[in-house]
Amino acid sequence: MNSQFIQEASETCFNGCCSSPFSSHSMSEKQEELEFSVITTGTSFLTRETKFTSQESLPRLRTSFYDLITAFPDYLQTNQADHLRSTEYENLSSSSHVFGQQQPLFSYSQFREISESESDLNHSLFTLSYKQVSSGKELLSFEGESRFQSRMRKRITSFMNLEESEYHMILTQDRSSAFKIVAELYSFKTNPNLLTVYNYEDEAVEEMIRISEKKGIKPESAEFSWPSTEIRSEKLKRRITRSKRRGSKRGLFVFPLQSLVTGASYSYSWMSLAHENDWHVLLDTSALGSKDMETLGLSLFQPDFLICSFTEVLGQDDPSGFGCLFVKKSSSPVLSEEPTNPSNLTVVKAEPSWKWKTEYQSGYDEITPVDHEDHKAASTSGFEIVEIESSSEQDKAMIEFRGLDHADSLGLILISRRSKSLTLWLLRALRTLQHPGYHQTEMPLVKIYGPKTKPSRGPSISFNIFDWQGEKVDPLMVERLAERENIGLRCAYLHKIRIGNKRRSEEAMSLRLSVVSVRLGGFMTNFEDVFKVWEFVSRFLDADFVEKEKWRKKALEKNK
């Protein structure tokens, strides 16, 4: 969809000499003026003065796309991503899972090439086996690693912009499992502090906190300002430097560079400050975009632990994947404590499970050589068999991680430019939705929490929807209705938010708020995905729609 629009946009004259391509669309006189201005004057119609009071009054997809490229012309330079989406990820057009998923290892086109039938599409590309370890030493052992596992480890480490000589990589069941492993093995006895920096409730982090409390630790958290949800810097700085000033023992500083819910971004300098004050740093990259690790300058900001996760194929209804825990080799001795629950120390090994593996059997130690014809067949199945001369064998199976390759080919600048354009446009679009004039004062449909137009913000947006009477619509209901429309909104909870500057009790100063959240950070997200979010949210301008869904929710709860 976007590739065609971009081509048309690049050929359109914006100097007023060309007729509007939307003249056949039936619209009001005011709307016609708005849409004509996009084409002829290069002025975005999504201004503070523009208000839409019904779903029917919204401009069409094509017109809205021209508004995007008028307000953010750099988006025109990202059509390479649209081409990849149409050729390699065609399943995303009917999937709600384009939002918020982790970086994929493989492309959907590659998956289709391997699968011989539609039923094969329900199977995973690799088989995960689980092993329980008993200690940090066993955790970091790579004995018995197959060539596929070695290849995957090297490729992921390279993609994350880490040096294999400096970091161990451990596969885990998921992101939460990686947090559990660190919490179980980290030597809290000698480093009895835990400080986290999350403005929302995160299940994985909460599990780490529970494990540390069982070990006698009293975890602390950063606090955040309202309504920006930014870090209250002075207070966090005092907490980081307090241990060194008092000669106290250090601990574990758990830090994301962005909020996965509000998009608030945090400075890399917090990692440096923590290291300077003898903290171990765990960097959570779950909120970062596909190539954001390239901005870290890890030679300057080297975390002791790094957690990320990958999905198998983007857009799956039941996505499979795993978590990754990177441990800095020089920091590995700190993973030496006895676990409170040994079942939390579960690691993963992956092996290819597709049919071609049965034809070219690969054990842990060797790959069966294949002849020229088999080599050709395997290559066209979506994977590459590369012949490598060595003293012990001639052939090794080298798996093509096409999802990672695609992100690398697009690069940091293109992905960031695309994500920023889509995020800032949606923020502006949501703020144009307003209830009809039932009140003397304006009654906006949406209230946004977190940074609004800050260029350095992340691609996550948190907001709430309010009905015409000013009552908040339950975010869980919004999530359920969005899921019904294949739109990836989710309910989340902001916490540790401090209102005002006065000293208050912990209960009074900490705000917990349920919100709707959407994340546009996927490297394959396009404008149509974003427009669907805007269009869906605008349905709540219809009072009858909202009341009907409220009654339906009550009926469902009553019948439970």
Protein backbone atom coordinates (compact mmCIF):
# COMPACT_ATOMS: atom_id res chain seq x y z
CA MET A 1 0.00 0.00 0.00
CA ASN A 2 2.57 2.61 1.06
CA SER A 3 4.93 1.94 -1.86
CA GLN A 4 2.23 3.01 -4.32
CA PHE A 5 1.38 6.10 -2.27
CA ILE A 6 5.04 7.07 -1.99
CA GLN A 7 5.49 6.79 -5.73
CA GLU A 8 2.41 8.93 -6.35
CA ALA A 9 3.54 11.46 -3.76
CA SER A 10 6.96 11.83 -5.35
CA GLU A 11 5.30 12.57 -8.71
CA THR A 12 2.69 15.01 -7.38
CA CYS A 13 3.21 18.72 -7.89
CA PHE A 14 2.81 20.62 -4.63
CA ASN A 15 2.96 24.06 -6.26
CA GLY A 16 -0.75 24.31 -7.06
CA CYS A 17 -0.47 23.50 -10.76
CA CYS A 18 -1.98 20.01 -10.45
CA SER A 19 -5.57 19.10 -9.67
CA SER A 20 -6.24 17.24 -6.46
CA PRO A 21 -6.26 13.46 -6.89
CA PHE A 22 -9.09 13.29 -4.31
CA SER A 23 -11.67 15.33 -6.24
CA SER A 24 -13.93 12.33 -6.77
CA HIS A 25 -14.30 11.78 -3.02
CA SER A 26 -17.54 13.05 -1.53
CA MET A 27 -16.72 15.41 1.33
CA SER A 28 -17.87 18.51 3.16
CA GLU A 29 -16.73 21.93 1.98
CA LYS A 30 -14.49 22.33 5.06
CA GLN A 31 -13.00 18.88 4.62
CA GLU A 32 -12.41 19.53 0.92
CA GLU A 33 -10.50 22.68 1.78
CA LEU A 34 -8.36 20.77 4.29
CA GLU A 35 -7.51 18.01 1.84
CA PHE A 36 -6.82 20.44 -1.00
CA SER A 37 -4.44 22.39 1.24
CA VAL A 38 -2.37 19.25 1.84
CA ILE A 39 -1.70 18.89 -1.87
CA THR A 40 -1.35 22.51 -2.94
CA THR A 41 0.32 24.26 -0.02
CA GLY A 42 2.33 21.55 1.65
CA THR A 43 0.62 22.36 4.97
CA SER A 44 -0.46 19.59 7.35
CA PHE A 45 -4.14 19.71 8.27
CA LEU A 46 -3.49 18.05 11.65
CA THR A 47 -3.08 21.30 13.56
CA ARG A 48 -4.22 22.20 17.05
CA GLU A 49 -7.30 23.83 15.53
CA THR A 50 -8.39 20.76 13.55
CA LYS A 51 -11.03 18.66 15.30
CA PHE A 52 -12.91 15.57 14.16
CA THR A 53 -16.13 14.73 16.02
CA SER A 54 -17.09 11.44 14.35
CA GLN A 55 -15.47 8.54 12.58
CA GLU A 56 -17.20 9.58 9.37
CA SER A 57 -15.53 12.99 9.42
CA LEU A 58 -12.01 11.53 9.34
CA PRO A 59 -10.09 12.02 6.08
CA ARG A 60 -9.53 8.93 4.02
CA LEU A 61 -6.41 6.78 4.20
CA ARG A 62 -4.87 8.25 1.06
CA THR A 63 -5.44 11.82 2.18
CA SER A 64 -4.06 11.08 5.62
CA PHE A 65 -0.97 9.55 4.05
CA TYR A 66 -0.33 12.76 2.13
CA ASP A 67 -0.64 14.61 5.42
CA LEU A 68 2.01 12.32 6.92
CA ILE A 69 4.53 13.02 4.18
CA THR A 70 3.70 16.74 4.28
CA ALA A 71 4.41 16.94 8.00
CA PHE A 72 7.27 14.41 7.91
CA PRO A 73 8.78 14.40 4.40
CA ASP A 74 11.64 12.14 5.54
CA TYR A 75 9.15 9.27 5.54
CA LEU A 76 9.40 9.27 1.73
CA GLN A 77 12.93 7.96 2.09
CA THR A 78 11.80 4.76 3.83
CA ASN A 79 10.06 3.01 0.92
CA GLN A 80 12.64 0.22 1.05
CA ALA A 81 10.84 -1.02 4.17
CA ASP A 82 7.51 -1.00 2.35
CA HIS A 83 9.01 -3.08 -0.45
CA LEU A 84 10.34 -5.62 2.05
CA ARG A 85 6.98 -5.79 3.79
CA SER A 86 5.11 -6.49 0.55
CA THR A 87 7.56 -9.18 -0.60
CA GLU A 88 8.74 -10.82 2.61
CA TYR A 89 6.04 -10.13 5.23
CA GLU A 90 2.78 -10.19 3.26
CA ASN A 91 1.01 -11.86 6.21
CA LEU A 92 1.12 -8.59 8.17
CA SER A 93 -1.74 -7.09 6.18
CA SER A 94 -4.20 -9.28 8.12
CA SER A 95 -2.37 -9.53 11.45
CA SER A 96 -2.63 -7.49 14.63
CA HIS A 97 0.78 -8.71 15.72
CA VAL A 98 2.78 -6.17 13.73
CA PHE A 99 2.67 -3.95 16.84
CA GLY A 100 4.97 -4.52 19.77
CA GLN A 101 6.56 -7.79 18.71
CA GLN A 102 10.23 -8.53 19.14
CA GLN A 103 12.70 -8.57 16.29
CA PRO A 104 12.00 -11.62 14.06
CA LEU A 105 14.72 -14.11 13.16
CA PHE A 106 13.08 -15.23 9.91
CA SER A 107 10.76 -13.67 7.34
CA TYR A 108 7.29 -14.98 6.54
CA SER A 109 8.25 -15.52 2.89
CA GLN A 110 11.13 -17.68 4.06
CA PHE A 111 8.75 -19.61 6.29
CA ARG A 112 6.42 -20.22 3.33
CA GLU A 113 9.29 -21.45 1.16
CA ILE A 114 10.21 -24.05 3.76
CA SER A 115 6.63 -25.16 4.44
CA GLU A 116 5.24 -27.71 2.00
CA SER A 117 1.59 -27.26 3.02
CA GLU A 118 -0.68 -24.83 4.88
CA SER A 119 -0.58 -27.10 7.93
CA ASP A 120 3.20 -26.69 8.11
CA LEU A 121 2.65 -22.97 8.77
CA ASN A 122 1.41 -23.85 12.24
CA HIS A 123 4.73 -25.47 13.15
CA SER A 124 7.85 -23.83 14.52
CA LEU A 125 11.01 -23.51 12.45
CA PHE A 126 13.08 -24.83 15.29
CA THR A 127 12.73 -27.18 18.23
CA LEU A 128 13.47 -25.84 21.67
CA SER A 129 14.80 -28.19 24.31
CA TYR A 130 14.94 -27.16 27.95
CA LYS A 131 17.61 -27.86 30.50
CA GLN A 132 17.71 -26.97 34.18
CA VAL A 133 21.08 -25.82 35.45
CA SER A 134 22.23 -25.67 39.04
CA SER A 135 24.81 -22.89 39.11
CA GLY A 136 26.24 -19.90 37.32
CA LYS A 137 29.18 -21.98 36.16
CA GLU A 138 26.91 -24.51 34.48
CA LEU A 139 24.80 -21.70 33.03
CA LEU A 140 27.79 -20.30 31.14
CA SER A 141 29.06 -23.63 29.84
CA PHE A 142 28.77 -24.17 26.07
CA GLU A 143 29.81 -27.81 25.98
CA GLY A 144 27.86 -29.88 23.47
CA GLU A 145 26.87 -26.84 21.38
CA SER A 146 25.83 -27.81 17.84
CA ARG A 147 26.89 -25.86 14.78
CA PHE A 148 23.41 -24.44 14.40
CA GLN A 149 23.49 -23.20 18.00
CA SER A 150 26.94 -21.73 17.49
CA ARG A 151 25.81 -20.03 14.29
CA MET A 152 22.72 -18.59 16.01
CA ARG A 153 24.74 -17.34 18.97
CA LYS A 154 27.29 -15.61 16.73
CA ARG A 155 24.60 -14.05 14.51
CA ILE A 156 22.50 -12.71 17.39
CA THR A 157 25.55 -11.41 19.26
CA SER A 158 26.64 -9.56 16.13
CA PHE A 159 23.13 -8.19 15.56
CA MET A 160 23.04 -6.85 19.11
CA ASN A 161 26.31 -5.01 18.44
CA LEU A 162 28.14 -6.97 21.12
CA GLU A 163 31.59 -8.53 21.04
CA GLU A 164 31.58 -12.31 21.29
CA SER A 165 34.91 -12.14 23.10
CA GLU A 166 33.35 -10.00 25.85
CA TYR A 167 29.90 -11.54 26.42
CA HIS A 168 28.34 -14.94 27.04
CA MET A 169 24.91 -15.49 25.44
CA ILE A 170 22.32 -17.76 27.07
CA LEU A 171 18.97 -18.61 25.48
CA THR A 172 15.99 -18.62 27.84
CA GLN A 173 12.33 -19.55 27.51
CA ASP A 174 11.34 -15.89 27.31
CA ARG A 175 12.32 -12.46 28.57
CA SER A 176 10.84 -13.13 32.01
CA SER A 177 12.98 -16.26 32.41
CA ALA A 178 16.13 -14.22 31.79
CA PHE A 179 15.18 -11.86 34.62
CA LYS A 180 14.52 -14.83 36.92
CA ILE A 181 17.94 -16.33 36.21
CA VAL A 182 19.76 -13.11 37.10
CA ALA A 183 17.64 -12.64 40.23
CA GLU A 184 18.28 -16.21 41.41
CA LEU A 185 22.05 -16.23 40.83
CA TYR A 186 23.04 -12.61 41.50
CA SER A 187 25.08 -12.33 44.70
CA PHE A 188 22.72 -10.14 46.72
CA LYS A 189 24.49 -11.29 49.90
CA THR A 190 27.56 -9.25 49.01
CA ASN A 191 25.70 -6.67 46.86
CA PRO A 192 22.45 -6.15 48.82
CA ASN A 193 20.67 -3.53 46.72
CA LEU A 194 18.21 -3.59 43.81
CA LEU A 195 17.21 -0.40 42.01
CA THR A 196 14.78 -0.49 39.05
CA VAL A 197 13.73 2.24 36.59
CA TYR A 198 10.27 1.40 35.18
CA ASN A 199 7.28 3.76 35.00
CA TYR A 200 4.93 0.84 34.36
CA GLU A 201 4.25 -2.55 35.88
CA ASP A 202 6.39 -5.14 34.14
CA GLU A 203 5.77 -8.80 34.95
CA ALA A 204 9.39 -9.82 34.41
CA VAL A 205 10.74 -7.05 36.64
CA GLU A 206 8.10 -7.75 39.29
CA GLU A 207 9.25 -11.39 39.36
CA MET A 208 12.85 -10.25 39.89
CA ILE A 209 11.69 -8.06 42.76
CA ARG A 210 9.81 -10.94 44.40
CA ILE A 211 12.87 -13.20 44.21
CA SER A 212 15.13 -10.51 45.70
CA GLU A 213 12.67 -9.95 48.55
CA LYS A 214 12.86 -13.65 49.40
CA LYS A 215 16.60 -13.09 49.78
CA GLY A 216 16.02 -10.29 52.27
CA ILE A 217 16.51 -7.38 49.86
CA LYS A 218 14.41 -4.22 50.05
CA PRO A 219 14.11 -3.16 46.40
CA GLU A 220 13.90 0.50 45.46
CA SER A 221 12.51 2.15 42.36
CA ALA A 222 12.98 5.38 40.51
CA GLU A 223 10.07 7.82 40.64
CA PHE A 224 8.54 9.62 37.68
CA SER A 225 6.99 13.02 37.06
CA TRP A 226 3.38 13.58 36.08
CA PRO A 227 2.18 13.80 33.34
CA SER A 228 5.47 13.56 31.40
CA THR A 229 6.36 10.19 33.07
CA GLU A 230 10.03 11.25 32.88
CA ILE A 231 12.51 10.23 35.59
CA ARG A 232 12.69 12.47 38.66
CA SER A 233 16.40 12.90 38.10
CA GLU A 234 17.58 14.40 41.37
CA LYS A 235 16.02 11.67 43.46
CA LEU A 236 17.39 8.86 41.27
CA LYS A 237 20.83 10.44 41.31
CA ARG A 238 20.80 10.52 45.13
CA ARG A 239 19.82 6.85 45.27
CA ILE A 240 22.59 5.79 42.88
CA THR A 241 25.33 7.78 44.62
CA ARG A 242 24.14 7.15 48.18
CA SER A 243 25.85 3.77 48.57
CA LYS A 244 29.27 5.08 47.59
CA ARG A 245 28.96 8.19 49.78
CA ARG A 246 28.12 6.05 52.79
CA GLY A 247 30.68 3.39 51.99
CA SER A 248 27.83 0.90 51.58
CA LYS A 249 27.90 -2.16 49.39
CA ARG A 250 26.73 -1.91 45.81
CA GLY A 251 23.93 -3.80 44.05
CA LEU A 252 22.04 -4.31 40.79
CA PHE A 253 20.76 -1.38 38.72
CA VAL A 254 18.03 -2.50 36.27
CA PHE A 255 17.57 0.01 33.49
CA PRO A 256 15.65 0.33 30.20
CA LEU A 257 16.59 3.11 27.79
CA GLN A 258 12.92 3.74 27.01
CA SER A 259 9.55 3.08 28.57
CA LEU A 260 7.79 0.26 26.75
CA VAL A 261 4.43 1.88 27.61
CA THR A 262 4.77 5.69 27.47
CA GLY A 263 7.75 6.11 25.13
CA ALA A 264 9.67 8.23 27.66
CA SER A 265 13.38 7.99 26.85
CA TYR A 266 16.23 7.98 29.36
CA SER A 267 19.83 9.07 29.04
CA TYR A 268 22.68 6.58 28.62
CA SER A 269 24.50 8.55 31.30
CA TRP A 270 22.49 6.75 34.00
CA MET A 271 24.44 3.58 33.18
CA SER A 272 27.73 5.46 33.49
CA LEU A 273 26.69 7.01 36.80
CA ALA A 274 25.71 3.59 38.15
CA HIS A 275 29.03 2.05 37.10
CA GLU A 276 30.95 4.97 38.59
CA ASN A 277 29.22 4.23 41.89
CA ASP A 278 30.03 0.51 41.79
CA TRP A 279 26.63 -0.82 40.70
CA HIS A 280 26.25 -3.76 38.36
CA VAL A 281 24.06 -2.68 35.42
CA LEU A 282 21.37 -4.81 33.77
CA LEU A 283 20.25 -3.21 30.50
CA ASP A 284 16.76 -4.20 29.33
CA THR A 285 16.49 -3.62 25.57
CA SER A 286 12.86 -4.73 25.14
CA ALA A 287 11.69 -1.19 24.34
CA LEU A 288 14.41 -0.49 21.78
CA GLY A 289 13.93 -0.62 18.02
CA SER A 290 15.53 -3.15 15.72
CA LYS A 291 18.83 -1.31 15.29
CA ASP A 292 18.88 0.98 18.33
CA MET A 293 21.73 -1.01 19.86
CA GLU A 294 23.99 0.72 17.34
CA THR A 295 23.43 4.00 19.17
CA LEU A 296 24.66 2.69 22.49
CA GLY A 297 28.38 2.95 21.98
CA LEU A 298 28.87 -0.16 24.07
CA SER A 299 32.59 0.49 24.29
CA LEU A 300 31.59 3.37 26.59
CA PHE A 301 28.42 1.92 28.16
CA GLN A 302 29.12 -1.73 28.79
CA PRO A 303 26.31 -3.29 30.84
CA ASP A 304 27.15 -6.26 33.04
CA PHE A 305 23.96 -7.97 31.87
CA LEU A 306 21.78 -7.38 28.83
CA ILE A 307 18.35 -8.90 28.19
CA CYS A 308 16.52 -9.02 24.87
CA SER A 309 14.09 -11.33 23.08
CA PHE A 310 13.35 -12.51 19.56
CA THR A 311 10.29 -13.87 17.84
CA GLU A 312 10.50 -16.58 15.20
CA VAL A 313 8.38 -15.07 12.41
CA LEU A 314 6.72 -11.64 12.55
CA GLY A 315 2.92 -11.63 12.52
CA GLN A 316 2.19 -15.13 13.82
CA ASP A 317 -1.11 -15.51 15.71
CA ASP A 318 0.70 -17.62 18.30
CA PRO A 319 4.21 -16.18 18.15
CA SER A 320 7.05 -18.39 19.29
CA GLY A 321 10.53 -17.30 20.23
CA PHE A 322 12.88 -17.03 23.17
CA GLY A 323 14.72 -14.63 25.42
CA CYS A 324 18.43 -13.87 25.40
CA LEU A 325 20.60 -13.14 28.41
CA PHE A 326 24.03 -11.68 27.75
CA VAL A 327 26.52 -11.80 30.61
CA LYS A 328 29.71 -9.78 30.51
CA LYS A 329 32.52 -12.28 30.99
CA SER A 330 34.37 -10.11 33.48
CA SER A 331 31.16 -9.83 35.55
CA SER A 332 30.19 -13.52 35.45
CA PRO A 333 31.66 -14.31 38.92
CA VAL A 334 28.84 -12.27 40.47
CA LEU A 335 26.36 -15.00 39.38
CA SER A 336 27.40 -17.24 42.22
CA GLU A 337 24.54 -17.39 44.70
CA GLU A 338 22.42 -20.41 45.60
CA PRO A 339 18.97 -20.12 43.95
CA THR A 340 15.81 -19.92 46.04
CA ASN A 341 13.93 -21.86 43.37
CA PRO A 342 16.13 -24.08 41.14
CA SER A 343 13.30 -24.51 38.60
CA ASN A 344 13.84 -20.87 37.61
CA LEU A 345 17.27 -21.79 36.23
CA THR A 346 16.02 -23.16 32.92
CA VAL A 347 17.98 -22.56 29.73
CA VAL A 348 17.08 -23.34 26.14
CA LYS A 349 18.80 -25.04 23.23
CA ALA A 350 17.47 -24.62 19.71
CA GLU A 351 17.75 -26.92 16.69
CA PRO A 352 16.09 -26.62 13.27
CA SER A 353 12.89 -28.65 13.07
CA TRP A 354 11.86 -28.22 9.44
CA LYS A 355 11.60 -31.12 7.03
CA TRP A 356 14.84 -30.54 5.14
CA LYS A 357 16.75 -31.29 8.34
CA THR A 358 15.65 -34.94 8.07
CA GLU A 359 17.24 -35.12 4.63
CA TYR A 360 20.49 -33.50 5.70
CA GLN A 361 20.91 -34.83 9.22
CA SER A 362 23.00 -32.65 11.51
CA GLY A 363 24.03 -33.87 14.93
CA TYR A 364 25.93 -31.98 17.54
CA ASP A 365 29.26 -32.74 15.95
CA GLU A 366 28.94 -33.02 12.19
CA ILE A 367 26.86 -32.32 9.11
CA THR A 368 26.28 -35.06 6.55
CA PRO A 369 27.76 -33.95 3.19
CA VAL A 370 25.29 -33.39 0.36
CA ASP A 371 25.75 -33.67 -3.40
CA HIS A 372 25.36 -30.83 -5.89
CA GLU A 373 21.66 -31.44 -6.61
CA ASP A 374 20.77 -31.63 -2.92
CA HIS A 375 22.80 -28.48 -2.35
CA LYS A 376 20.72 -26.71 -4.99
CA ALA A 377 17.43 -27.95 -3.52
CA ALA A 378 18.37 -26.85 -0.02
CA SER A 379 19.45 -23.43 -1.22
CA THR A 380 16.10 -22.77 -2.92
CA SER A 381 14.19 -23.83 0.19
CA GLY A 382 14.96 -20.50 1.82
CA PHE A 383 18.25 -21.45 3.48
CA GLU A 384 21.79 -21.40 2.28
CA ILE A 385 24.13 -24.38 2.42
CA VAL A 386 27.64 -22.97 2.27
CA GLU A 387 30.61 -25.21 1.47
CA ILE A 388 33.55 -24.56 3.78
CA GLU A 389 36.90 -26.28 3.34
CA SER A 390 38.48 -27.56 6.55
CA SER A 391 40.71 -30.39 7.66
CA SER A 392 37.84 -32.41 9.16
CA GLU A 393 34.84 -31.75 6.90
CA GLN A 394 33.76 -30.05 3.72
CA ASP A 395 30.15 -28.99 4.37
CA LYS A 396 28.45 -27.10 7.17
CA ALA A 397 24.82 -26.01 7.34
CA MET A 398 24.66 -22.21 7.57
CA ILE A 399 21.16 -20.99 8.35
CA GLU A 400 20.02 -17.70 6.85
CA PHE A 401 18.47 -15.47 9.51
CA ARG A 402 16.62 -13.35 7.01
CA GLY A 403 14.68 -11.29 9.57
CA LEU A 404 17.94 -10.05 11.11
CA ASP A 405 19.41 -9.50 7.64
CA HIS A 406 16.47 -7.31 6.66
CA ALA A 407 16.86 -5.10 9.74
CA ASP A 408 20.58 -4.79 9.02
CA SER A 409 19.92 -3.86 5.38
CA LEU A 410 17.45 -1.11 6.37
CA GLY A 411 19.81 0.28 8.98
CA LEU A 412 19.42 2.45 12.05
CA ILE A 413 18.74 5.76 10.28
CA LEU A 414 15.93 4.50 8.05
CA ILE A 415 14.20 2.50 10.80
CA SER A 416 14.43 5.37 13.30
CA ARG A 417 13.21 7.93 10.75
CA ARG A 418 10.23 5.75 9.87
CA SER A 419 9.32 4.98 13.47
CA LYS A 420 9.58 8.61 14.55
CA SER A 421 7.41 9.86 11.67
CA LEU A 422 4.66 7.33 12.35
CA THR A 423 4.72 7.90 16.12
CA LEU A 424 4.60 11.69 15.98
CA TRP A 425 1.86 11.63 13.33
CA LEU A 426 -0.34 9.33 15.42
CA LEU A 427 0.16 11.51 18.49
CA ARG A 428 -1.08 14.52 16.52
CA ALA A 429 -3.95 12.57 15.00
CA LEU A 430 -5.24 11.28 18.34
CA ARG A 431 -5.34 14.80 19.72
CA THR A 432 -7.70 15.93 16.93
CA LEU A 433 -10.51 13.64 18.15
CA GLN A 434 -13.10 15.53 20.15
CA HIS A 435 -16.65 14.86 21.29
CA PRO A 436 -19.37 16.95 19.64
CA GLY A 437 -20.23 20.23 21.35
CA TYR A 438 -22.35 18.98 24.19
CA HIS A 439 -20.35 21.06 26.66
CA GLN A 440 -19.23 24.65 26.84
CA THR A 441 -15.63 23.50 27.20
CA GLU A 442 -13.77 21.19 24.86
CA MET A 443 -14.19 17.49 25.54
CA PRO A 444 -11.28 15.60 23.94
CA LEU A 445 -11.79 11.89 23.31
CA VAL A 446 -8.21 10.97 24.18
CA LYS A 447 -5.83 11.96 26.95
CA ILE A 448 -2.18 11.14 26.28
CA TYR A 449 0.33 10.36 29.03
CA GLY A 450 4.06 10.71 28.60
CA PRO A 451 6.04 12.81 26.12
CA LYS A 452 4.00 14.20 23.24
CA THR A 453 6.13 15.88 20.58
CA LYS A 454 9.58 15.34 22.07
CA PRO A 455 11.79 14.19 19.14
CA SER A 456 13.81 11.81 21.30
CA ARG A 457 10.73 9.92 22.55
CA GLY A 458 10.34 6.23 21.88
CA PRO A 459 7.70 4.61 19.63
CA SER A 460 5.27 3.68 22.44
CA ILE A 461 2.18 5.78 23.18
CA SER A 462 -0.01 5.52 26.28
CA PHE A 463 -3.43 7.12 26.51
CA ASN A 464 -6.97 6.75 27.80
CA ILE A 465 -10.30 7.16 26.05
CA PHE A 466 -13.12 9.15 27.69
CA ASP A 467 -16.79 9.05 26.76
CA TRP A 468 -18.94 12.13 26.12
CA GLN A 469 -19.70 12.41 29.86
CA GLY A 470 -16.01 12.50 30.75
CA GLU A 471 -15.86 8.96 32.16
CA LYS A 472 -12.84 6.81 31.37
CA VAL A 473 -13.49 3.83 29.13
CA ASP A 474 -12.03 0.68 30.69
CA PRO A 475 -8.67 0.00 28.97
CA LEU A 476 -9.32 -3.74 29.19
CA MET A 477 -12.49 -3.26 27.17
CA VAL A 478 -10.56 -1.19 24.63
CA GLU A 479 -7.95 -3.94 24.36
CA ARG A 480 -10.62 -6.59 23.81
CA LEU A 481 -12.42 -4.56 21.14
CA ALA A 482 -9.14 -3.77 19.39
CA GLU A 483 -8.20 -7.44 19.35
CA ARG A 484 -11.54 -8.18 17.69
CA GLU A 485 -10.52 -5.76 14.92
CA ASN A 486 -6.97 -7.18 14.62
CA ILE A 487 -5.46 -4.02 16.10
CA GLY A 488 -2.63 -4.36 18.60
CA LEU A 489 -3.63 -2.22 21.58
CA ARG A 490 -3.06 -3.48 25.10
CA CYS A 491 -3.91 -2.52 28.66
CA ALA A 492 -0.98 -1.53 30.87
CA TYR A 493 -0.50 0.04 34.29
CA LEU A 494 1.60 3.11 35.02
CA HIS A 495 3.09 3.24 38.50
CA LYS A 496 5.65 5.03 40.68
CA ILE A 497 4.27 8.34 39.42
CA ARG A 498 4.65 11.24 41.82
CA ILE A 499 2.21 14.14 41.67
CA GLY A 500 3.35 17.50 43.03
CA ASN A 501 6.53 18.46 44.81
CA LYS A 502 5.46 18.21 48.43
CA ARG A 503 6.75 15.43 50.66
CA ARG A 504 4.01 12.86 51.16
CA SER A 505 3.57 9.32 52.29
CA GLU A 506 4.39 6.54 49.82
CA GLU A 507 0.68 5.83 49.34
CA ALA A 508 -0.16 9.45 48.60
CA MET A 509 2.64 10.18 46.17
CA SER A 510 2.52 7.00 44.06
CA LEU A 511 -0.04 7.01 41.30
CA ARG A 512 -1.15 3.75 39.67
CA LEU A 513 -3.15 4.22 36.50
CA SER A 514 -4.53 1.79 33.93
CA VAL A 515 -3.93 2.97 30.35
CA VAL A 516 -4.17 1.87 26.74
CA SER A 517 -0.78 1.42 25.09
CA VAL A 518 0.35 0.94 21.52
CA ARG A 519 3.90 0.38 20.32
CA LEU A 520 4.91 1.29 16.76
CA GLY A 521 8.51 0.14 17.04
CA GLY A 522 8.30 -2.84 14.70
CA PHE A 523 10.61 -2.33 11.73
CA MET A 524 7.79 -3.46 9.41
CA THR A 525 5.08 -1.12 10.76
CA ASN A 526 3.60 1.04 8.01
CA PHE A 527 1.19 3.96 7.77
CA GLU A 528 -1.87 1.80 7.17
CA ASP A 529 -1.28 0.11 10.55
CA VAL A 530 -1.14 3.51 12.24
CA PHE A 531 -4.20 4.82 10.40
CA LYS A 532 -6.19 1.77 11.57
CA VAL A 533 -5.39 2.69 15.17
CA TRP A 534 -6.63 6.26 14.64
CA GLU A 535 -9.74 5.04 12.85
CA PHE A 536 -10.50 2.48 15.58
CA VAL A 537 -10.11 4.99 18.43
CA SER A 538 -12.42 7.43 16.60
CA ARG A 539 -15.27 4.89 16.91
CA PHE A 540 -15.50 5.83 20.58
CA LEU A 541 -16.85 9.24 19.49
CA ASP A 542 -20.11 7.39 18.90
CA ALA A 543 -21.91 7.40 22.27
CA ASP A 544 -24.17 4.52 21.20
CA PHE A 545 -21.15 2.36 20.34
CA VAL A 546 -19.60 2.95 23.76
CA GLU A 547 -22.82 2.29 25.70
CA LYS A 548 -23.54 -0.89 23.75
CA GLU A 549 -20.08 -2.26 24.50
CA LYS A 550 -20.38 -1.34 28.19
CA TRP A 551 -23.64 -3.28 28.44
CA ARG A 552 -22.10 -6.21 26.59
CA LYS A 553 -19.19 -6.25 29.03
CA LYS A 554 -21.56 -6.22 32.02
CA ALA A 555 -23.56 -9.09 30.55
CA LEU A 556 -20.43 -11.16 30.00
CA GLU A 557 -19.23 -10.52 33.56
CA LYS A 558 -22.66 -11.43 34.95
CA ASN A 559 -22.69 -14.76 33.10
CA LYS A 560 -19.25 -15.80 34.36
